[in-house]
């Protein structure tokens, strides 16, 4: 299954560079208006610009109005794309999206979904909203609250080379016309949306996130 999206070169906007300016509108209605005007940047994930990830470490990044958008199976979304570490050891990747504005349930958040691809840009796995877990500020010293998703990788089992972070368009009021193969709107996800309406915290097309990579220690 291929992603059906469009993208130009995307700039990763690091938080350190955003101390004085916001990478996206502060007002949520303005964000949604900006999102509604977006068009897909390219026809194939092979045209994406991928940031290299280290075998271990972490970085902050932003998915904002400067990032390209793509027509994913679940609809249009701004995204960030990464090339996975070239290593022979198992590791995990953790993506955390921070709450914008007041503490939940007020404010807003970018609900992250992960798509993993092999070297031919074929999708091997896609996470869904049920994989997100609340990560409170108390979990780490000086931390901030948000929603996190973790994905394990083992190059000895599957040669996945790329990771794309996006959000389901259904959360932003842009549900796909029909269910399509590989759609993130799985049974559990549909139930999640039905039980929570638009979500516990208002969804945003943009957000501040972090990514961390760590080796997985072998048993024993």
N, C-alpha and C. Protein backbone atom coordinates (compact mmCIF):
# COMPACT_ATOMS: atom_id res chain seq x y z
N UNK A 1 0.84 -1.19 0.00
CA UNK A 1 0.00 0.00 0.00
C UNK A 1 0.88 1.25 0.00
N UNK A 2 0.60 2.19 -0.88
CA UNK A 2 1.35 3.43 -0.92
C UNK A 2 0.55 4.54 -0.25
N UNK A 3 1.24 5.48 0.36
CA UNK A 3 0.59 6.68 0.83
C UNK A 3 0.16 7.47 -0.40
N UNK A 4 -1.04 8.08 -0.34
CA UNK A 4 -1.48 8.93 -1.44
C UNK A 4 -1.44 10.35 -0.94
N UNK A 5 -0.30 11.04 -1.08
CA UNK A 5 -0.14 12.37 -0.54
C UNK A 5 0.72 13.23 -1.41
N UNK A 6 0.88 14.51 -1.03
CA UNK A 6 1.70 15.42 -1.80
C UNK A 6 2.54 16.29 -0.91
N UNK A 7 3.84 16.51 -1.25
CA UNK A 7 4.76 17.25 -0.39
C UNK A 7 5.93 17.85 -1.13
N UNK A 8 6.32 19.07 -0.75
CA UNK A 8 7.58 19.64 -1.22
C UNK A 8 8.59 19.50 -0.10
N UNK A 9 9.75 20.09 -0.25
CA UNK A 9 10.73 20.08 0.82
C UNK A 9 10.13 20.76 2.02
N UNK A 10 10.20 20.10 3.18
CA UNK A 10 9.62 20.71 4.37
C UNK A 10 10.72 21.13 5.31
N UNK A 11 10.60 22.34 5.90
CA UNK A 11 11.60 22.73 6.88
C UNK A 11 11.19 22.25 8.26
N UNK A 12 12.07 21.56 8.95
CA UNK A 12 11.82 21.25 10.35
C UNK A 12 12.02 22.55 11.12
N UNK A 13 11.02 22.93 11.89
CA UNK A 13 11.10 24.18 12.63
C UNK A 13 11.39 23.83 14.08
N UNK A 14 12.61 24.05 14.53
CA UNK A 14 12.99 23.67 15.88
C UNK A 14 12.49 24.70 16.87
N UNK A 15 12.13 24.23 18.06
CA UNK A 15 11.57 25.11 19.06
C UNK A 15 12.53 26.22 19.45
N UNK A 16 13.82 25.94 19.44
CA UNK A 16 14.78 26.96 19.82
C UNK A 16 14.71 28.17 18.91
N UNK A 17 14.28 27.96 17.68
CA UNK A 17 14.20 29.05 16.73
C UNK A 17 12.86 29.76 16.78
N UNK A 18 11.99 29.28 17.67
CA UNK A 18 10.63 29.81 17.70
C UNK A 18 10.33 30.54 18.99
N UNK A 19 11.33 31.02 19.66
CA UNK A 19 11.12 31.65 20.95
C UNK A 19 10.35 32.95 20.83
N UNK A 20 10.50 33.67 19.71
CA UNK A 20 9.87 34.97 19.59
C UNK A 20 8.74 34.98 18.56
N UNK A 21 8.70 34.03 17.66
CA UNK A 21 7.63 33.99 16.67
C UNK A 21 6.95 32.63 16.71
N UNK A 22 5.65 32.64 16.39
CA UNK A 22 4.90 31.39 16.37
C UNK A 22 4.95 30.80 14.97
N UNK A 23 5.19 29.49 14.85
CA UNK A 23 5.25 28.85 13.53
C UNK A 23 3.87 28.62 12.91
N UNK A 24 2.83 28.95 13.63
CA UNK A 24 1.47 28.82 13.11
C UNK A 24 0.56 29.78 13.88
N UNK A 25 -0.62 30.11 13.34
CA UNK A 25 -1.51 31.06 14.02
C UNK A 25 -1.86 30.62 15.43
N UNK A 26 -1.89 31.55 16.36
CA UNK A 26 -2.24 31.22 17.74
C UNK A 26 -3.73 30.90 17.87
N UNK A 27 -4.55 31.58 17.08
CA UNK A 27 -6.00 31.37 17.13
C UNK A 27 -6.36 30.08 16.38
N UNK A 28 -7.14 29.20 17.02
CA UNK A 28 -7.45 27.91 16.41
C UNK A 28 -8.27 28.08 15.14
N UNK A 29 -9.22 29.02 15.11
CA UNK A 29 -10.00 29.22 13.88
C UNK A 29 -9.10 29.65 12.73
N UNK A 30 -8.10 30.47 13.04
CA UNK A 30 -7.16 30.89 12.00
C UNK A 30 -6.32 29.71 11.52
N UNK A 31 -5.96 28.82 12.43
CA UNK A 31 -5.22 27.62 12.03
C UNK A 31 -6.05 26.77 11.08
N UNK A 32 -7.32 26.56 11.43
CA UNK A 32 -8.18 25.73 10.60
C UNK A 32 -8.41 26.37 9.24
N UNK A 33 -8.49 27.71 9.21
CA UNK A 33 -8.65 28.40 7.93
C UNK A 33 -7.41 28.23 7.07
N UNK A 34 -6.24 28.29 7.68
CA UNK A 34 -4.99 28.07 6.96
C UNK A 34 -4.93 26.65 6.42
N UNK A 35 -5.30 25.70 7.27
CA UNK A 35 -5.30 24.29 6.88
C UNK A 35 -6.25 24.04 5.71
N UNK A 36 -7.42 24.69 5.74
CA UNK A 36 -8.44 24.47 4.70
C UNK A 36 -7.97 24.94 3.33
N UNK A 37 -7.00 25.85 3.28
CA UNK A 37 -6.51 26.36 2.00
C UNK A 37 -5.37 25.53 1.42
N UNK A 38 -4.88 24.56 2.18
CA UNK A 38 -3.72 23.79 1.75
C UNK A 38 -4.04 22.82 0.62
N UNK A 39 -3.07 22.61 -0.25
CA UNK A 39 -3.16 21.61 -1.30
C UNK A 39 -1.97 20.67 -1.15
N UNK A 40 -2.14 19.46 -1.68
CA UNK A 40 -1.06 18.47 -1.58
C UNK A 40 0.17 18.96 -2.31
N UNK A 41 1.32 18.72 -1.71
CA UNK A 41 2.57 19.24 -2.28
C UNK A 41 3.19 18.34 -3.32
N UNK A 42 2.87 17.05 -3.29
CA UNK A 42 3.48 16.14 -4.26
C UNK A 42 2.62 14.90 -4.43
N UNK A 43 3.03 14.04 -5.34
CA UNK A 43 2.21 12.88 -5.69
C UNK A 43 2.70 11.57 -5.09
N UNK A 44 3.89 11.58 -4.50
CA UNK A 44 4.46 10.32 -4.05
C UNK A 44 5.42 10.58 -2.89
N UNK A 45 5.43 9.70 -1.89
CA UNK A 45 6.35 9.87 -0.75
C UNK A 45 7.82 9.90 -1.16
N UNK A 46 8.15 9.37 -2.32
CA UNK A 46 9.53 9.42 -2.78
C UNK A 46 9.99 10.86 -2.99
N UNK A 47 9.03 11.79 -3.12
CA UNK A 47 9.35 13.20 -3.32
C UNK A 47 9.48 13.96 -2.01
N UNK A 48 9.22 13.30 -0.89
CA UNK A 48 9.34 13.95 0.41
C UNK A 48 10.80 14.28 0.71
N UNK A 49 10.99 15.28 1.53
CA UNK A 49 12.32 15.57 2.07
C UNK A 49 12.38 14.97 3.47
N UNK A 50 13.33 14.07 3.70
CA UNK A 50 13.40 13.34 4.96
C UNK A 50 14.57 13.83 5.82
N UNK A 51 14.27 14.17 7.07
CA UNK A 51 15.31 14.54 8.02
C UNK A 51 15.93 13.25 8.59
N UNK A 52 17.23 13.25 8.74
CA UNK A 52 17.92 12.07 9.27
C UNK A 52 17.75 11.97 10.79
N UNK A 53 17.46 10.77 11.27
CA UNK A 53 17.37 10.53 12.71
C UNK A 53 18.62 9.80 13.18
N UNK A 54 19.14 10.16 14.35
CA UNK A 54 20.30 9.45 14.91
C UNK A 54 19.87 8.11 15.51
N UNK A 55 20.82 7.25 15.80
CA UNK A 55 20.51 5.97 16.42
C UNK A 55 20.03 6.13 17.85
N UNK A 56 20.38 7.25 18.48
CA UNK A 56 19.92 7.55 19.84
C UNK A 56 19.94 9.06 20.02
N UNK A 57 18.98 9.57 20.79
CA UNK A 57 18.93 11.00 21.03
C UNK A 57 17.51 11.52 20.89
N UNK A 58 17.36 12.83 20.96
CA UNK A 58 16.03 13.43 20.87
C UNK A 58 16.12 14.83 20.29
N UNK A 59 15.01 15.30 19.76
CA UNK A 59 14.92 16.66 19.25
C UNK A 59 13.47 17.12 19.29
N UNK A 60 13.30 18.44 19.36
CA UNK A 60 11.99 19.06 19.29
C UNK A 60 11.75 19.53 17.86
N UNK A 61 10.51 19.47 17.41
CA UNK A 61 10.18 19.96 16.08
C UNK A 61 8.74 20.46 16.07
N UNK A 62 8.39 21.14 15.01
CA UNK A 62 7.06 21.73 14.86
C UNK A 62 6.45 21.25 13.56
N UNK A 63 5.18 20.93 13.59
CA UNK A 63 4.40 20.75 12.37
C UNK A 63 3.52 21.99 12.28
N UNK A 64 3.90 22.91 11.40
CA UNK A 64 3.21 24.20 11.31
C UNK A 64 2.81 24.53 9.89
N UNK A 65 2.43 25.78 9.68
CA UNK A 65 1.95 26.20 8.36
C UNK A 65 3.06 26.18 7.32
N UNK A 66 4.34 26.15 7.74
CA UNK A 66 5.45 26.08 6.79
C UNK A 66 5.69 24.66 6.30
N UNK A 67 5.14 23.67 7.00
CA UNK A 67 5.30 22.28 6.57
C UNK A 67 4.39 21.98 5.39
N UNK A 68 4.80 21.10 4.51
CA UNK A 68 3.93 20.71 3.39
C UNK A 68 2.78 19.86 3.88
N UNK A 69 1.78 19.71 3.02
CA UNK A 69 0.62 18.87 3.32
C UNK A 69 0.55 17.76 2.29
N UNK A 70 -0.12 16.69 2.67
CA UNK A 70 -0.21 15.52 1.79
C UNK A 70 -1.60 14.91 1.93
N UNK A 71 -2.09 14.32 0.83
CA UNK A 71 -3.39 13.67 0.84
C UNK A 71 -3.19 12.22 1.27
N UNK A 72 -3.21 11.99 2.59
CA UNK A 72 -3.04 10.65 3.12
C UNK A 72 -4.31 9.84 2.91
N UNK A 73 -4.26 8.55 3.26
CA UNK A 73 -5.45 7.72 3.14
C UNK A 73 -6.60 8.28 3.97
N UNK A 74 -6.28 8.96 5.06
CA UNK A 74 -7.32 9.52 5.93
C UNK A 74 -7.62 10.98 5.60
N UNK A 75 -7.03 11.53 4.54
CA UNK A 75 -7.30 12.90 4.15
C UNK A 75 -6.07 13.80 4.25
N UNK A 76 -6.28 15.08 4.00
CA UNK A 76 -5.19 16.04 3.97
C UNK A 76 -4.64 16.32 5.36
N UNK A 77 -3.31 16.38 5.45
CA UNK A 77 -2.66 16.72 6.72
C UNK A 77 -1.28 17.29 6.45
N UNK A 78 -0.89 18.29 7.26
CA UNK A 78 0.50 18.71 7.29
C UNK A 78 1.30 17.59 7.98
N UNK A 79 2.57 17.49 7.69
CA UNK A 79 3.32 16.37 8.23
C UNK A 79 4.80 16.69 8.36
N UNK A 80 5.51 15.78 9.02
CA UNK A 80 6.97 15.79 9.09
C UNK A 80 7.44 14.39 8.71
N UNK A 81 8.57 14.31 7.99
CA UNK A 81 9.06 13.01 7.51
C UNK A 81 10.51 12.81 7.94
N UNK A 82 10.82 11.57 8.31
CA UNK A 82 12.15 11.25 8.82
C UNK A 82 12.70 9.99 8.18
N UNK A 83 14.04 9.96 8.01
CA UNK A 83 14.73 8.74 7.60
C UNK A 83 15.20 8.04 8.88
N UNK A 84 14.83 6.78 9.04
CA UNK A 84 15.15 6.04 10.24
C UNK A 84 16.65 5.74 10.32
N UNK A 85 17.16 5.52 11.54
CA UNK A 85 18.60 5.26 11.71
C UNK A 85 19.05 4.02 10.93
N UNK A 86 20.24 4.09 10.38
CA UNK A 86 20.83 2.96 9.67
C UNK A 86 21.62 2.14 10.68
N UNK A 87 20.95 1.21 11.32
CA UNK A 87 21.56 0.41 12.39
C UNK A 87 21.07 -1.02 12.29
N UNK A 88 21.83 -1.92 12.84
CA UNK A 88 21.43 -3.32 12.87
C UNK A 88 20.82 -3.74 14.18
N UNK A 89 20.70 -2.79 15.12
CA UNK A 89 20.17 -3.08 16.44
C UNK A 89 18.72 -2.60 16.58
N UNK A 90 17.95 -3.29 17.42
CA UNK A 90 16.56 -2.90 17.68
C UNK A 90 16.52 -1.58 18.46
N UNK A 91 15.54 -0.77 18.20
CA UNK A 91 15.38 0.52 18.88
C UNK A 91 13.91 0.91 18.90
N UNK A 92 13.61 1.93 19.64
CA UNK A 92 12.24 2.45 19.68
C UNK A 92 12.25 3.94 19.35
N UNK A 93 11.16 4.38 18.74
CA UNK A 93 10.95 5.80 18.45
C UNK A 93 9.71 6.26 19.19
N UNK A 94 9.85 7.36 19.91
CA UNK A 94 8.73 7.90 20.68
C UNK A 94 8.43 9.32 20.19
N UNK A 95 7.18 9.54 19.82
CA UNK A 95 6.73 10.87 19.39
C UNK A 95 5.78 11.41 20.45
N UNK A 96 6.06 12.62 20.92
CA UNK A 96 5.18 13.26 21.89
C UNK A 96 4.69 14.58 21.34
N UNK A 97 3.38 14.80 21.40
CA UNK A 97 2.77 16.06 20.95
C UNK A 97 2.32 16.82 22.18
N UNK A 98 2.72 18.10 22.28
CA UNK A 98 2.43 18.90 23.48
C UNK A 98 1.10 19.63 23.37
N UNK A 99 0.44 19.78 24.54
CA UNK A 99 -0.78 20.57 24.58
C UNK A 99 -0.46 22.04 24.35
N UNK A 100 -1.25 22.68 23.50
CA UNK A 100 -1.14 24.12 23.25
C UNK A 100 -2.11 24.85 24.16
N UNK A 101 -1.65 25.95 24.77
CA UNK A 101 -2.55 26.77 25.57
C UNK A 101 -2.76 26.20 26.96
N UNK A 102 -3.97 26.39 27.52
CA UNK A 102 -4.24 25.94 28.89
C UNK A 102 -4.12 24.42 29.01
N UNK A 103 -4.06 23.95 30.24
CA UNK A 103 -4.02 22.51 30.49
C UNK A 103 -5.33 21.87 30.02
N UNK A 104 -5.27 20.59 29.59
CA UNK A 104 -6.49 19.91 29.14
C UNK A 104 -7.53 19.84 30.27
N UNK A 105 -8.83 19.86 29.93
CA UNK A 105 -9.36 19.68 28.57
C UNK A 105 -9.44 20.95 27.73
N UNK A 106 -8.94 22.08 28.21
CA UNK A 106 -8.92 23.28 27.39
C UNK A 106 -7.72 23.25 26.44
N UNK A 107 -7.57 24.30 25.65
CA UNK A 107 -6.46 24.34 24.72
C UNK A 107 -6.70 23.43 23.52
N UNK A 108 -5.62 23.03 22.85
CA UNK A 108 -5.72 22.18 21.66
C UNK A 108 -4.46 21.33 21.56
N UNK A 109 -4.48 20.38 20.62
CA UNK A 109 -3.32 19.52 20.43
C UNK A 109 -3.34 18.90 19.04
N UNK A 110 -2.15 18.64 18.50
CA UNK A 110 -1.98 17.91 17.25
C UNK A 110 -1.97 16.42 17.61
N UNK A 111 -2.97 15.67 17.17
CA UNK A 111 -3.04 14.24 17.47
C UNK A 111 -2.16 13.48 16.47
N UNK A 112 -1.00 12.96 16.91
CA UNK A 112 -0.07 12.35 15.96
C UNK A 112 -0.40 10.91 15.60
N UNK A 113 -0.27 10.61 14.31
CA UNK A 113 -0.37 9.25 13.78
C UNK A 113 0.93 8.98 13.02
N UNK A 114 1.44 7.76 13.12
CA UNK A 114 2.71 7.41 12.50
C UNK A 114 2.50 6.44 11.33
N UNK A 115 3.17 6.71 10.22
CA UNK A 115 3.20 5.77 9.09
C UNK A 115 4.64 5.38 8.85
N UNK A 116 4.92 4.09 8.86
CA UNK A 116 6.25 3.56 8.60
C UNK A 116 6.30 2.99 7.18
N UNK A 117 7.43 3.22 6.48
CA UNK A 117 7.57 2.75 5.11
C UNK A 117 8.90 2.04 4.91
N UNK A 118 8.93 1.12 3.94
CA UNK A 118 10.19 0.46 3.61
C UNK A 118 10.97 1.30 2.60
N UNK A 119 12.07 0.78 2.08
CA UNK A 119 12.94 1.55 1.20
C UNK A 119 12.30 1.87 -0.15
N UNK A 120 11.20 1.18 -0.49
CA UNK A 120 10.47 1.46 -1.73
C UNK A 120 9.27 2.35 -1.48
N UNK A 121 9.15 2.90 -0.28
CA UNK A 121 8.08 3.81 0.12
C UNK A 121 6.72 3.12 0.19
N UNK A 122 6.74 1.84 0.45
CA UNK A 122 5.51 1.09 0.69
C UNK A 122 5.24 1.10 2.19
N UNK A 123 3.99 1.41 2.57
CA UNK A 123 3.63 1.48 3.98
C UNK A 123 3.64 0.08 4.60
N UNK A 124 4.35 -0.06 5.71
CA UNK A 124 4.42 -1.33 6.41
C UNK A 124 3.54 -1.36 7.66
N UNK A 125 3.40 -0.19 8.30
CA UNK A 125 2.58 -0.09 9.51
C UNK A 125 2.01 1.33 9.61
N UNK A 126 0.84 1.44 10.25
CA UNK A 126 0.25 2.75 10.56
C UNK A 126 -0.33 2.67 11.97
N UNK A 127 0.01 3.62 12.81
CA UNK A 127 -0.58 3.66 14.15
C UNK A 127 -1.95 4.30 14.06
N UNK A 128 -2.71 4.27 15.16
CA UNK A 128 -3.99 4.97 15.18
C UNK A 128 -4.17 5.66 16.53
N UNK A 129 -5.28 6.30 16.72
CA UNK A 129 -5.49 7.12 17.90
C UNK A 129 -5.48 6.31 19.18
N UNK A 130 -5.83 5.04 19.08
CA UNK A 130 -5.82 4.18 20.27
C UNK A 130 -4.41 3.95 20.81
N UNK A 131 -3.40 4.21 20.00
CA UNK A 131 -2.02 4.03 20.44
C UNK A 131 -1.50 5.20 21.27
N UNK A 132 -2.24 6.31 21.31
CA UNK A 132 -1.79 7.49 22.05
C UNK A 132 -2.00 7.31 23.54
N UNK A 133 -1.05 7.78 24.31
CA UNK A 133 -1.13 7.71 25.77
C UNK A 133 -0.84 9.08 26.37
N UNK A 134 -1.56 9.42 27.42
CA UNK A 134 -1.33 10.70 28.10
C UNK A 134 0.03 10.66 28.80
N UNK A 135 0.83 11.69 28.58
CA UNK A 135 2.13 11.82 29.22
C UNK A 135 2.13 13.16 29.95
N UNK A 136 2.05 13.10 31.27
CA UNK A 136 1.91 14.33 32.05
C UNK A 136 3.24 15.02 32.27
N UNK A 137 3.17 16.30 32.65
CA UNK A 137 4.37 17.08 32.90
C UNK A 137 5.19 16.49 34.05
N UNK A 138 4.51 15.80 34.96
CA UNK A 138 5.19 15.23 36.12
C UNK A 138 6.04 14.01 35.76
N UNK A 139 5.84 13.49 34.53
CA UNK A 139 6.56 12.28 34.14
C UNK A 139 8.06 12.52 33.98
N UNK A 140 8.44 13.74 33.62
CA UNK A 140 9.86 14.07 33.44
C UNK A 140 10.16 15.42 34.07
N UNK A 141 11.33 15.60 34.67
CA UNK A 141 11.69 16.88 35.27
C UNK A 141 11.64 18.01 34.24
N UNK A 142 10.92 19.06 34.58
CA UNK A 142 10.79 20.19 33.67
C UNK A 142 9.99 19.86 32.42
N UNK A 143 9.24 18.76 32.46
CA UNK A 143 8.51 18.32 31.28
C UNK A 143 7.22 19.08 31.04
N UNK A 144 6.59 18.78 29.93
CA UNK A 144 5.31 19.36 29.55
C UNK A 144 4.35 18.23 29.22
N UNK A 145 3.08 18.46 29.51
CA UNK A 145 2.06 17.44 29.25
C UNK A 145 1.78 17.31 27.76
N UNK A 146 1.40 16.10 27.36
CA UNK A 146 1.06 15.87 25.97
C UNK A 146 0.58 14.46 25.74
N UNK A 147 0.44 14.08 24.48
CA UNK A 147 0.06 12.74 24.09
C UNK A 147 1.24 12.10 23.37
N UNK A 148 1.54 10.85 23.70
CA UNK A 148 2.73 10.19 23.15
C UNK A 148 2.37 8.85 22.52
N UNK A 149 3.14 8.48 21.50
CA UNK A 149 3.01 7.18 20.86
C UNK A 149 4.41 6.63 20.65
N UNK A 150 4.59 5.34 20.92
CA UNK A 150 5.90 4.70 20.80
C UNK A 150 5.82 3.55 19.80
N UNK A 151 6.82 3.46 18.93
CA UNK A 151 6.86 2.39 17.94
C UNK A 151 8.21 1.69 18.01
N UNK A 152 8.22 0.35 18.15
CA UNK A 152 9.49 -0.40 18.14
C UNK A 152 9.93 -0.71 16.71
N UNK A 153 11.25 -0.80 16.52
CA UNK A 153 11.81 -1.14 15.21
C UNK A 153 12.90 -2.19 15.42
N UNK A 154 12.91 -3.20 14.56
CA UNK A 154 13.95 -4.22 14.59
C UNK A 154 14.41 -4.48 13.16
N UNK A 155 15.54 -3.92 12.76
CA UNK A 155 16.03 -4.09 11.39
C UNK A 155 16.27 -5.54 11.01
N UNK A 156 16.41 -6.42 12.01
CA UNK A 156 16.62 -7.84 11.73
C UNK A 156 15.33 -8.54 11.34
N UNK A 157 14.20 -7.87 11.57
CA UNK A 157 12.89 -8.46 11.24
C UNK A 157 12.28 -7.77 10.03
N UNK A 158 12.24 -6.44 10.04
CA UNK A 158 11.65 -5.67 8.95
C UNK A 158 12.55 -4.49 8.61
N UNK A 159 12.84 -4.31 7.33
CA UNK A 159 13.71 -3.21 6.90
C UNK A 159 12.85 -1.97 6.62
N UNK A 160 12.41 -1.32 7.69
CA UNK A 160 11.67 -0.07 7.55
C UNK A 160 12.69 1.08 7.51
N UNK A 161 12.49 2.01 6.58
CA UNK A 161 13.48 3.07 6.37
C UNK A 161 12.95 4.47 6.66
N UNK A 162 11.62 4.66 6.64
CA UNK A 162 11.08 6.00 6.76
C UNK A 162 9.93 6.06 7.76
N UNK A 163 9.77 7.24 8.36
CA UNK A 163 8.71 7.48 9.34
C UNK A 163 8.07 8.83 9.02
N UNK A 164 6.75 8.85 8.90
CA UNK A 164 6.02 10.08 8.62
C UNK A 164 5.02 10.32 9.75
N UNK A 165 4.99 11.57 10.25
CA UNK A 165 4.08 11.96 11.34
C UNK A 165 3.03 12.89 10.77
N UNK A 166 1.75 12.51 10.94
CA UNK A 166 0.64 13.33 10.44
C UNK A 166 -0.54 13.20 11.38
N UNK A 167 -1.70 13.79 11.02
CA UNK A 167 -2.89 13.68 11.86
C UNK A 167 -4.09 13.32 10.99
N UNK A 168 -5.04 12.52 11.49
CA UNK A 168 -6.21 12.13 10.69
C UNK A 168 -7.10 13.34 10.39
N UNK A 169 -7.43 13.53 9.11
CA UNK A 169 -8.25 14.67 8.70
C UNK A 169 -9.63 14.66 9.34
N UNK A 170 -10.12 13.48 9.72
CA UNK A 170 -11.45 13.40 10.33
C UNK A 170 -11.53 14.23 11.60
N UNK A 171 -10.42 14.35 12.32
CA UNK A 171 -10.42 15.14 13.54
C UNK A 171 -10.60 16.63 13.26
N UNK A 172 -10.24 17.04 12.04
CA UNK A 172 -10.29 18.45 11.68
C UNK A 172 -11.55 18.77 10.87
N UNK A 173 -12.51 17.85 10.88
CA UNK A 173 -13.76 18.08 10.19
C UNK A 173 -13.70 17.77 8.71
N UNK A 174 -12.72 16.98 8.30
CA UNK A 174 -12.56 16.66 6.88
C UNK A 174 -12.48 15.16 6.69
N UNK A 175 -13.56 14.46 7.02
CA UNK A 175 -13.59 13.00 6.90
C UNK A 175 -13.51 12.58 5.44
N UNK A 176 -12.84 11.47 5.13
CA UNK A 176 -12.79 10.99 3.75
C UNK A 176 -14.17 10.59 3.26
N UNK A 177 -14.36 10.61 1.93
CA UNK A 177 -15.66 10.31 1.34
C UNK A 177 -16.09 8.87 1.64
N UNK A 178 -15.12 7.97 1.70
CA UNK A 178 -15.44 6.57 1.94
C UNK A 178 -14.24 5.91 2.59
N UNK A 179 -14.49 4.75 3.17
CA UNK A 179 -13.38 4.01 3.78
C UNK A 179 -12.47 3.47 2.69
N UNK A 180 -11.15 3.63 2.88
CA UNK A 180 -10.18 3.18 1.89
C UNK A 180 -9.19 2.23 2.53
N UNK A 181 -8.58 1.41 1.73
CA UNK A 181 -7.60 0.45 2.23
C UNK A 181 -6.49 1.16 2.99
N UNK A 182 -6.23 0.70 4.21
CA UNK A 182 -5.17 1.30 4.99
C UNK A 182 -5.59 2.54 5.76
N UNK A 183 -6.89 2.88 5.75
CA UNK A 183 -7.36 4.06 6.45
C UNK A 183 -7.11 3.92 7.94
N UNK A 184 -6.75 5.02 8.62
CA UNK A 184 -6.53 4.96 10.06
C UNK A 184 -7.85 4.89 10.81
N UNK A 185 -8.97 5.02 10.12
CA UNK A 185 -10.28 4.96 10.78
C UNK A 185 -10.66 3.50 11.02
N UNK A 186 -9.92 2.85 11.88
CA UNK A 186 -10.20 1.46 12.23
C UNK A 186 -11.42 1.40 13.15
N UNK A 187 -11.89 0.18 13.41
CA UNK A 187 -13.03 0.02 14.31
C UNK A 187 -12.82 0.70 15.65
N UNK A 188 -11.69 0.42 16.33
CA UNK A 188 -11.44 1.08 17.61
C UNK A 188 -11.37 2.60 17.50
N UNK A 189 -10.81 3.09 16.38
CA UNK A 189 -10.71 4.53 16.20
C UNK A 189 -12.09 5.15 16.03
N UNK A 190 -12.93 4.51 15.24
CA UNK A 190 -14.29 5.02 15.06
C UNK A 190 -15.04 5.04 16.38
N UNK A 191 -14.84 3.98 17.18
CA UNK A 191 -15.47 3.94 18.50
C UNK A 191 -14.94 5.05 19.38
N UNK A 192 -13.63 5.30 19.31
CA UNK A 192 -12.99 6.37 20.09
C UNK A 192 -13.60 7.72 19.74
N UNK A 193 -13.76 7.98 18.44
CA UNK A 193 -14.33 9.24 18.00
C UNK A 193 -15.79 9.36 18.43
N UNK A 194 -16.52 8.25 18.35
CA UNK A 194 -17.94 8.26 18.70
C UNK A 194 -18.12 8.55 20.18
N UNK A 195 -17.27 7.97 21.02
CA UNK A 195 -17.40 8.16 22.46
C UNK A 195 -16.95 9.54 22.92
N UNK A 196 -16.02 10.15 22.19
CA UNK A 196 -15.43 11.40 22.66
C UNK A 196 -15.73 12.60 21.78
N UNK A 197 -16.57 12.41 20.76
CA UNK A 197 -16.86 13.53 19.88
C UNK A 197 -15.61 13.95 19.14
N UNK A 198 -15.20 15.20 19.28
CA UNK A 198 -14.02 15.70 18.59
C UNK A 198 -12.74 15.39 19.36
N UNK A 199 -12.87 14.70 20.48
CA UNK A 199 -11.69 14.37 21.26
C UNK A 199 -11.72 15.07 22.61
N UNK A 200 -10.98 14.55 23.56
CA UNK A 200 -10.93 15.13 24.90
C UNK A 200 -10.40 16.56 24.82
N UNK A 201 -9.39 16.77 24.00
CA UNK A 201 -8.83 18.10 23.78
C UNK A 201 -9.04 18.45 22.31
N UNK A 202 -9.38 19.70 22.02
CA UNK A 202 -9.67 20.13 20.66
C UNK A 202 -8.50 19.83 19.72
N UNK A 203 -8.76 19.14 18.61
CA UNK A 203 -7.69 18.82 17.66
C UNK A 203 -7.21 20.06 16.92
N UNK A 204 -5.92 20.10 16.61
CA UNK A 204 -5.31 21.19 15.86
C UNK A 204 -4.56 20.62 14.65
N UNK A 205 -4.57 21.34 13.52
CA UNK A 205 -3.80 20.87 12.36
C UNK A 205 -2.30 21.09 12.52
N UNK A 206 -1.90 21.86 13.54
CA UNK A 206 -0.50 22.17 13.79
C UNK A 206 -0.16 21.89 15.25
N UNK A 207 1.12 21.73 15.53
CA UNK A 207 1.51 21.50 16.92
C UNK A 207 3.00 21.42 17.11
N UNK A 208 3.41 21.44 18.38
CA UNK A 208 4.80 21.30 18.79
C UNK A 208 4.99 19.87 19.30
N UNK A 209 6.02 19.21 18.81
CA UNK A 209 6.25 17.81 19.13
C UNK A 209 7.71 17.57 19.46
N UNK A 210 7.98 16.38 19.99
CA UNK A 210 9.35 15.94 20.19
C UNK A 210 9.45 14.50 19.72
N UNK A 211 10.66 14.12 19.33
CA UNK A 211 10.92 12.75 18.91
C UNK A 211 12.17 12.26 19.63
N UNK A 212 12.11 11.04 20.15
CA UNK A 212 13.27 10.47 20.84
C UNK A 212 13.51 9.05 20.32
N UNK A 213 14.77 8.69 20.21
CA UNK A 213 15.18 7.39 19.71
C UNK A 213 16.08 6.75 20.75
N UNK A 214 15.80 5.50 21.11
CA UNK A 214 16.61 4.81 22.11
C UNK A 214 16.75 3.35 21.76
N UNK A 215 17.92 2.74 21.99
CA UNK A 215 18.10 1.31 21.74
C UNK A 215 17.18 0.47 22.63
N UNK A 216 16.79 -0.66 22.15
CA UNK A 216 16.03 -1.63 22.96
C UNK A 216 17.02 -2.67 23.44
N UNK A 217 17.18 -2.75 24.74
CA UNK A 217 18.13 -3.71 25.30
C UNK A 217 17.63 -5.14 25.07
N UNK A 218 18.52 -6.05 24.69
CA UNK A 218 18.11 -7.45 24.50
C UNK A 218 17.73 -8.07 25.85
N UNK A 219 16.86 -9.09 25.85
CA UNK A 219 16.45 -9.75 27.10
C UNK A 219 17.67 -10.23 27.88
N UNK A 220 17.65 -9.99 29.20
CA UNK A 220 18.75 -10.44 30.04
C UNK A 220 19.93 -9.54 30.04
